[in-house]
C-alpha atoms as a PDB file:
ATOM      1  CA  MET A   1       8.946 -36.372 -14.321  1.00  0.00           C
ATOM      2  CA  GLU A   2      10.778 -37.178 -11.079  1.00  0.00           C
ATOM      3  CA  ILE A   3      11.352 -34.558  -8.396  1.00  0.00           C
ATOM      4  CA  LYS A   4      15.122 -34.580  -8.944  1.00  0.00           C
ATOM      5  CA  ASP A   5      14.613 -33.801 -12.636  1.00  0.00           C
ATOM      6  CA  ILE A   6      12.224 -30.967 -11.818  1.00  0.00           C
ATOM      7  CA  LEU A   7      14.763 -29.406  -9.431  1.00  0.00           C
ATOM      8  CA  SER A   8      17.576 -29.613 -11.962  1.00  0.00           C
ATOM      9  CA  GLN A   9      15.431 -28.336 -14.824  1.00  0.00           C
ATOM     10  CA  ARG A  10      14.115 -25.404 -12.800  1.00  0.00           C
ATOM     11  CA  ARG A  11      17.612 -24.320 -11.735  1.00  0.00           C
ATOM     12  CA  LYS A  12      18.764 -24.363 -15.351  1.00  0.00           C
ATOM     13  CA  GLU A  13      15.685 -22.402 -16.472  1.00  0.00           C
ATOM     14  CA  LEU A  14      16.680 -19.707 -13.981  1.00  0.00           C
ATOM     15  CA  ASN A  15      20.240 -19.748 -15.362  1.00  0.00           C
ATOM     16  CA  MET A  16      21.583 -20.454 -11.878  1.00  0.00           C
ATOM     17  CA  THR A  17      24.591 -22.540 -10.928  1.00  0.00           C
ATOM     18  CA  MET A  18      24.453 -25.057  -8.112  1.00  0.00           C
ATOM     19  CA  LYS A  19      26.629 -22.729  -6.052  1.00  0.00           C
ATOM     20  CA  GLN A  20      24.236 -19.806  -6.552  1.00  0.00           C
ATOM     21  CA  VAL A  21      21.318 -21.931  -5.381  1.00  0.00           C
ATOM     22  CA  ALA A  22      23.386 -23.257  -2.487  1.00  0.00           C
ATOM     23  CA  ASP A  23      24.205 -19.735  -1.332  1.00  0.00           C
ATOM     24  CA  LYS A  24      20.516 -18.799  -1.344  1.00  0.00           C
ATOM     25  CA  VAL A  25      19.500 -21.916   0.582  1.00  0.00           C
ATOM     26  CA  GLY A  26      22.427 -21.783   3.009  1.00  0.00           C
ATOM     27  CA  VAL A  27      23.927 -25.178   2.180  1.00  0.00           C
ATOM     28  CA  SER A  28      26.961 -26.456   0.315  1.00  0.00           C
ATOM     29  CA  GLU A  29      27.145 -26.911  -3.451  1.00  0.00           C
ATOM     30  CA  GLY A  30      27.564 -30.642  -2.805  1.00  0.00           C
ATOM     31  CA  THR A  31      24.240 -30.705  -0.977  1.00  0.00           C
ATOM     32  CA  ILE A  32      22.443 -29.192  -3.974  1.00  0.00           C
ATOM     33  CA  SER A  33      24.127 -31.774  -6.197  1.00  0.00           C
ATOM     34  CA  ARG A  34      22.948 -34.524  -3.856  1.00  0.00           C
ATOM     35  CA  TRP A  35      19.384 -33.204  -3.873  1.00  0.00           C
ATOM     36  CA  GLU A  36      19.373 -32.994  -7.668  1.00  0.00           C
ATOM     37  CA  SER A  37      20.461 -36.628  -7.760  1.00  0.00           C
ATOM     38  CA  GLY A  38      17.318 -37.558  -5.869  1.00  0.00           C
ATOM     39  CA  LYS A  39      18.622 -37.816  -2.298  1.00  0.00           C
ATOM     40  CA  ILE A  40      16.121 -35.512  -0.610  1.00  0.00           C
ATOM     41  CA  ALA A  41      14.619 -37.750   2.070  1.00  0.00           C
ATOM     42  CA  ASP A  42      16.621 -36.111   4.869  1.00  0.00           C
ATOM     43  CA  MET A  43      15.954 -32.496   3.802  1.00  0.00           C
ATOM     44  CA  ARG A  44      14.951 -30.342   6.790  1.00  0.00           C
ATOM     45  CA  ARG A  45      11.704 -28.373   6.676  1.00  0.00           C
ATOM     46  CA  ASP A  46      13.462 -24.999   6.813  1.00  0.00           C
ATOM     47  CA  LYS A  47      15.683 -26.026   3.906  1.00  0.00           C
ATOM     48  CA  ILE A  48      12.668 -27.190   1.907  1.00  0.00           C
ATOM     49  CA  MET A  49      11.152 -23.724   2.305  1.00  0.00           C
ATOM     50  CA  ALA A  50      14.424 -21.970   1.439  1.00  0.00           C
ATOM     51  CA  TYR A  51      15.042 -24.267  -1.569  1.00  0.00           C
ATOM     52  CA  ALA A  52      11.506 -23.684  -2.880  1.00  0.00           C
ATOM     53  CA  GLN A  53      11.946 -19.928  -2.482  1.00  0.00           C
ATOM     54  CA  ALA A  54      15.280 -19.996  -4.322  1.00  0.00           C
ATOM     55  CA  LEU A  55      13.697 -21.843  -7.254  1.00  0.00           C
ATOM     56  CA  ASN A  56      10.361 -19.968  -7.007  1.00  0.00           C
ATOM     57  CA  ILE A  57       8.313 -23.154  -6.835  1.00  0.00           C
ATOM     58  CA  SER A  58       5.857 -24.590  -4.335  1.00  0.00           C
ATOM     59  CA  PRO A  59       7.383 -26.535  -1.401  1.00  0.00           C
ATOM     60  CA  ALA A  60       4.755 -29.182  -2.180  1.00  0.00           C
ATOM     61  CA  ILE A  61       6.653 -30.041  -5.360  1.00  0.00           C
ATOM     62  CA  ILE A  62       9.860 -30.735  -3.433  1.00  0.00           C
ATOM     63  CA  MET A  63       7.995 -32.807  -0.855  1.00  0.00           C
ATOM     64  CA  GLY A  64       6.314 -34.815  -3.606  1.00  0.00           C
ATOM     65  CA  TRP A  65       2.775 -33.695  -2.768  1.00  0.00           C
ATOM     66  CA  ASP A  66       2.166 -32.239  -6.235  1.00  0.00           C
ATOM     67  CA  ASN A  67       1.915 -34.751  -9.060  1.00  0.00           C
ATOM     68  CA  VAL A  68       3.596 -32.976 -11.961  1.00  0.00           C
ATOM     69  CA  ASP A  69       2.738 -34.048 -15.495  1.00  0.00           C
ATOM     70  CA  PRO A  70       6.016 -34.268 -17.478  1.00  0.00           C
ATOM     71  CA  SER A  71       4.310 -32.693 -20.475  1.00  0.00           C
ATOM     72  CA  SER A  72       3.329 -29.618 -18.447  1.00  0.00           C
ATOM     73  CA  THR A  73       6.157 -29.301 -15.951  1.00  0.00           C
ATOM     74  CA  SER A  74       7.239 -25.903 -17.211  1.00  0.00           C
ATOM     75  CA  LYS A  75       3.679 -24.587 -17.048  1.00  0.00           C
ATOM     76  CA  SER A  76       3.236 -25.910 -13.501  1.00  0.00           C
ATOM     77  CA  ILE A  77       6.475 -24.402 -12.279  1.00  0.00           C
ATOM     78  CA  HIS A  78       5.865 -21.037 -13.912  1.00  0.00           C
ATOM     79  CA  ALA A  79       2.219 -20.852 -12.829  1.00  0.00           C
ATOM     80  CA  GLY A  80       2.856 -18.151 -10.271  1.00  0.00           C
ATOM     81  CA  LYS A  81       5.064 -16.655  -7.615  1.00  0.00           C
ATOM     82  CA  ARG A  82       5.533 -17.228  -3.904  1.00  0.00           C
ATOM     83  CA  ILE A  83       5.250 -14.204  -1.627  1.00  0.00           C
ATOM     84  CA  PRO A  84       5.989 -13.851   2.100  1.00  0.00           C
ATOM     85  CA  VAL A  85       3.197 -13.652   4.652  1.00  0.00           C
ATOM     86  CA  LEU A  86       4.196 -11.128   7.304  1.00  0.00           C
ATOM     87  CA  GLY A  87       3.038 -10.590  10.842  1.00  0.00           C
ATOM     88  CA  SER A  88       3.726  -6.869  10.738  1.00  0.00           C
ATOM     89  CA  VAL A  89       4.804  -4.220   8.243  1.00  0.00           C
ATOM     90  CA  ALA A  90       6.473  -0.855   8.733  1.00  0.00           C
ATOM     91  CA  ALA A  91       6.566   1.971   6.223  1.00  0.00           C
ATOM     92  CA  GLY A  92       9.955   2.678   4.700  1.00  0.00           C
ATOM     93  CA  ILE A  93      11.324  -0.819   5.292  1.00  0.00           C
ATOM     94  CA  PRO A  94      11.685  -2.946   2.137  1.00  0.00           C
ATOM     95  CA  ILE A  95       9.399  -5.974   2.339  1.00  0.00           C
ATOM     96  CA  ASP A  96      12.267  -8.335   1.501  1.00  0.00           C
ATOM     97  CA  ALA A  97      14.192  -6.978   4.498  1.00  0.00           C
ATOM     98  CA  ILE A  98      11.473  -7.837   7.037  1.00  0.00           C
ATOM     99  CA  GLU A  99      12.344 -10.940   9.054  1.00  0.00           C
ATOM    100  CA  ASP A 100       8.874 -11.459  10.527  1.00  0.00           C
ATOM    101  CA  VAL A 101       7.893 -14.023   7.857  1.00  0.00           C
ATOM    102  CA  LEU A 102       5.129 -16.319   9.112  1.00  0.00           C
ATOM    103  CA  ASP A 103       4.380 -18.316   5.980  1.00  0.00           C
ATOM    104  CA  TRP A 104       4.314 -18.190   2.170  1.00  0.00           C
ATOM    105  CA  GLU A 105       1.448 -17.833  -0.288  1.00  0.00           C
ATOM    106  CA  ASP A 106       1.274 -18.435  -4.027  1.00  0.00           C
ATOM    107  CA  ILE A 107      -0.125 -15.826  -6.399  1.00  0.00           C
ATOM    108  CA  SER A 108      -0.892 -16.241 -10.093  1.00  0.00           C
ATOM    109  CA  GLU A 109       1.554 -15.286 -12.817  1.00  0.00           C
ATOM    110  CA  ASP A 110      -0.903 -12.675 -14.117  1.00  0.00           C
ATOM    111  CA  MET A 111      -1.145 -11.065 -10.688  1.00  0.00           C
ATOM    112  CA  ALA A 112       2.622 -11.138 -10.204  1.00  0.00           C
ATOM    113  CA  LYS A 113       3.065  -9.147 -13.416  1.00  0.00           C
ATOM    114  CA  THR A 114       1.119  -6.194 -11.963  1.00  0.00           C
ATOM    115  CA  GLY A 115       3.574  -5.298  -9.195  1.00  0.00           C
ATOM    116  CA  GLU A 116       5.292  -6.402  -6.004  1.00  0.00           C
ATOM    117  CA  PHE A 117       3.187  -8.262  -3.444  1.00  0.00           C
ATOM    118  CA  PHE A 118       3.253  -9.512   0.122  1.00  0.00           C
ATOM    119  CA  GLY A 119       0.764 -11.217   2.423  1.00  0.00           C
ATOM    120  CA  LEU A 120      -0.258  -9.851   5.818  1.00  0.00           C
ATOM    121  CA  ARG A 121      -1.924 -11.823   8.600  1.00  0.00           C
ATOM    122  CA  ILE A 122      -4.804  -9.816  10.028  1.00  0.00           C
ATOM    123  CA  LYS A 123      -4.966  -9.111  13.756  1.00  0.00           C
ATOM    124  CA  GLY A 124      -8.010  -7.841  15.610  1.00  0.00           C
ATOM    125  CA  ASP A 125     -11.694  -7.525  14.697  1.00  0.00           C
ATOM    126  CA  SER A 126     -11.914  -4.038  13.194  1.00  0.00           C
ATOM    127  CA  MET A 127     -12.546  -5.363   9.672  1.00  0.00           C
ATOM    128  CA  GLN A 128     -15.171  -7.965  10.578  1.00  0.00           C
ATOM    129  CA  PRO A 129     -17.262  -9.470   9.145  1.00  0.00           C
ATOM    130  CA  ARG A 130     -15.549  -9.302   5.728  1.00  0.00           C
ATOM    131  CA  ILE A 131     -11.999  -9.751   7.021  1.00  0.00           C
ATOM    132  CA  VAL A 132     -11.466 -11.572  10.320  1.00  0.00           C
ATOM    133  CA  GLU A 133      -8.525 -12.187  12.600  1.00  0.00           C
ATOM    134  CA  GLY A 134      -6.181 -14.798  11.140  1.00  0.00           C
ATOM    135  CA  ASP A 135      -7.117 -14.092   7.506  1.00  0.00           C
ATOM    136  CA  ILE A 136      -4.296 -13.529   5.025  1.00  0.00           C
ATOM    137  CA  VAL A 137      -4.707 -10.472   2.819  1.00  0.00           C
ATOM    138  CA  ILE A 138      -2.705 -10.241  -0.392  1.00  0.00           C
ATOM    139  CA  VAL A 139      -1.300  -6.735  -0.766  1.00  0.00           C
ATOM    140  CA  ARG A 140       0.141  -4.969  -3.813  1.00  0.00           C
ATOM    141  CA  GLN A 141       2.792  -2.496  -2.706  1.00  0.00           C
ATOM    142  CA  GLN A 142       1.882   1.059  -3.730  1.00  0.00           C
ATOM    143  CA  PRO A 143       2.126   4.494  -2.093  1.00  0.00           C
ATOM    144  CA  ASP A 144      -1.398   5.638  -2.999  1.00  0.00           C
ATOM    145  CA  ALA A 145      -4.862   4.212  -3.669  1.00  0.00           C
ATOM    146  CA  ASP A 146      -8.344   5.251  -4.748  1.00  0.00           C
ATOM    147  CA  SER A 147     -11.224   6.170  -2.483  1.00  0.00           C
ATOM    148  CA  GLY A 148     -13.057   2.955  -1.569  1.00  0.00           C
ATOM    149  CA  ASP A 149      -9.963   0.742  -1.764  1.00  0.00           C
ATOM    150  CA  VAL A 150      -8.976  -1.415   1.190  1.00  0.00           C
ATOM    151  CA  VAL A 151      -5.423  -0.462   2.102  1.00  0.00           C
ATOM    152  CA  ILE A 152      -2.608  -1.230   4.490  1.00  0.00           C
ATOM    153  CA  VAL A 153      -1.665   2.029   6.130  1.00  0.00           C
ATOM    154  CA  GLN A 154       0.662   3.220   8.865  1.00  0.00           C
ATOM    155  CA  VAL A 155      -0.080   6.206  11.105  1.00  0.00           C
ATOM    156  CA  ASN A 156       2.572   8.013  13.141  1.00  0.00           C
ATOM    157  CA  GLY A 157       5.052   5.156  13.028  1.00  0.00           C
ATOM    158  CA  ASP A 158       2.706   2.563  14.553  1.00  0.00           C
ATOM    159  CA  LYS A 159       2.269  -0.920  13.129  1.00  0.00           C
ATOM    160  CA  ALA A 160       0.405  -0.995   9.839  1.00  0.00           C
ATOM    161  CA  THR A 161      -3.348  -1.531   9.932  1.00  0.00           C
ATOM    162  CA  CYS A 162      -5.954  -2.606   7.396  1.00  0.00           C
ATOM    163  CA  LYS A 163      -8.727  -0.073   6.619  1.00  0.00           C
ATOM    164  CA  ARG A 164     -11.016   1.131   3.820  1.00  0.00           C
ATOM    165  CA  LEU A 165      -9.818   4.431   2.383  1.00  0.00           C
ATOM    166  CA  ALA A 166     -12.079   7.422   1.816  1.00  0.00           C
ATOM    167  CA  LYS A 167     -10.560  10.504   0.183  1.00  0.00           C
ATOM    168  CA  TYR A 168     -11.771  14.099   0.445  1.00  0.00           C
ATOM    169  CA  SER A 169     -10.355  17.426  -0.696  1.00  0.00           C
ATOM    170  CA  SER A 170      -9.560  18.245   2.938  1.00  0.00           C
ATOM    171  CA  GLY A 171      -8.019  14.890   3.884  1.00  0.00           C
ATOM    172  CA  ILE A 172      -8.871  11.199   4.301  1.00  0.00           C
ATOM    173  CA  SER A 173     -10.800   8.788   6.502  1.00  0.00           C
ATOM    174  CA  LEU A 174      -9.676   5.276   7.392  1.00  0.00           C
ATOM    175  CA  ILE A 175     -12.829   3.247   7.894  1.00  0.00           C
ATOM    176  CA  SER A 176     -13.315  -0.112   9.613  1.00  0.00           C
ATOM    177  CA  PHE A 177     -15.912  -2.579   8.347  1.00  0.00           C
ATOM    178  CA  ASN A 178     -16.830  -3.245  11.975  1.00  0.00           C
ATOM    179  CA  PRO A 179     -19.321  -0.478  12.950  1.00  0.00           C
ATOM    180  CA  ALA A 180     -18.082  -0.635  16.561  1.00  0.00           C
ATOM    181  CA  TYR A 181     -14.985   1.281  15.437  1.00  0.00           C
ATOM    182  CA  GLU A 182     -15.164   4.988  14.640  1.00  0.00           C
ATOM    183  CA  PRO A 183     -13.539   6.231  11.396  1.00  0.00           C
ATOM    184  CA  MET A 184     -10.016   7.615  11.742  1.00  0.00           C
ATOM    185  CA  ASN A 185     -10.044  11.078  10.152  1.00  0.00           C
ATOM    186  CA  TYR A 186      -6.932  13.007   9.077  1.00  0.00           C
ATOM    187  CA  THR A 187      -6.526  16.407   7.490  1.00  0.00           C
ATOM    188  CA  ASN A 188      -4.038  16.970   4.678  1.00  0.00           C
ATOM    189  CA  GLU A 189      -1.762  18.681   7.204  1.00  0.00           C
ATOM    190  CA  GLN A 190      -1.908  15.688   9.556  1.00  0.00           C
ATOM    191  CA  ILE A 191      -1.185  13.296   6.682  1.00  0.00           C
ATOM    192  CA  GLU A 192       2.108  15.098   6.092  1.00  0.00           C
ATOM    193  CA  ARG A 193       3.006  15.779   9.729  1.00  0.00           C
ATOM    194  CA  LEU A 194       2.267  12.443  11.428  1.00  0.00           C
ATOM    195  CA  PRO A 195       2.690  11.022   8.730  1.00  0.00           C
ATOM    196  CA  VAL A 196      -0.097   8.806   7.375  1.00  0.00           C
ATOM    197  CA  THR A 197       1.541   6.402   4.900  1.00  0.00           C
ATOM    198  CA  ILE A 198      -0.165   3.991   2.515  1.00  0.00           C
ATOM    199  CA  ILE A 199       1.952   0.871   2.124  1.00  0.00           C
ATOM    200  CA  GLY A 200      -0.239  -1.051  -0.286  1.00  0.00           C
ATOM    201  CA  LYS A 201      -3.676  -2.007  -1.595  1.00  0.00           C
ATOM    202  CA  VAL A 202      -5.440  -5.215  -0.540  1.00  0.00           C
ATOM    203  CA  VAL A 203      -6.347  -7.166  -3.677  1.00  0.00           C
ATOM    204  CA  GLU A 204      -7.428 -10.484  -2.184  1.00  0.00           C
ATOM    205  CA  ASN A 205      -8.435 -12.037   1.131  1.00  0.00           C
ATOM    206  CA  ARG A 206      -7.636 -15.665   1.923  1.00  0.00           C
ATOM    207  CA  GLN A 207      -9.399 -17.245   4.859  1.00  0.00           C
ATOM    208  CA  LYS A 208      -7.864 -20.201   6.680  1.00  0.00           C
ATOM    209  CA  TYR A 209      -9.907 -22.921   8.336  1.00  0.00           C
END
């Protein structure tokens, strides 16, 4: 199946008009029509990313890097979901409202069914050697987690950090994998007063080389 056919088919599967797609991508309806007719050679990189996001497909499909078998096009397109990779996260701000989007990652359809996800690029060495600076962690948004989980947490309004959670009846500890860093301990009173806010649970780590 040709790229133009994939684009048209995917839009129709989403029950979207050309105008609706155009509004999401930030182009005219005529431009979407032109792309669906196969004239995509002059598409800018930022529009490729926006178009792929609007159709929830990989940018590689639009750029022709993925060879799609016509008999399994629907399966390939529906194989997962694209999520934003962020440079920073703040508690209380909806993930889709954060403009600090560095990249996009694909997650499986099965994973996508379990909640809302985002990626976060790790900074610093506090979680070495298991998680190193530059790694992308895949995070399921949730306000709580179990003892032993690796979480993204914000303390006193600062930028969110990645730590292993330990729960006690009197409070919690946020523990680094790197033994050079002391645990961050908080009483139940401090959790409420500061506050200490769990933004999500890390479910996967993706290392880039």
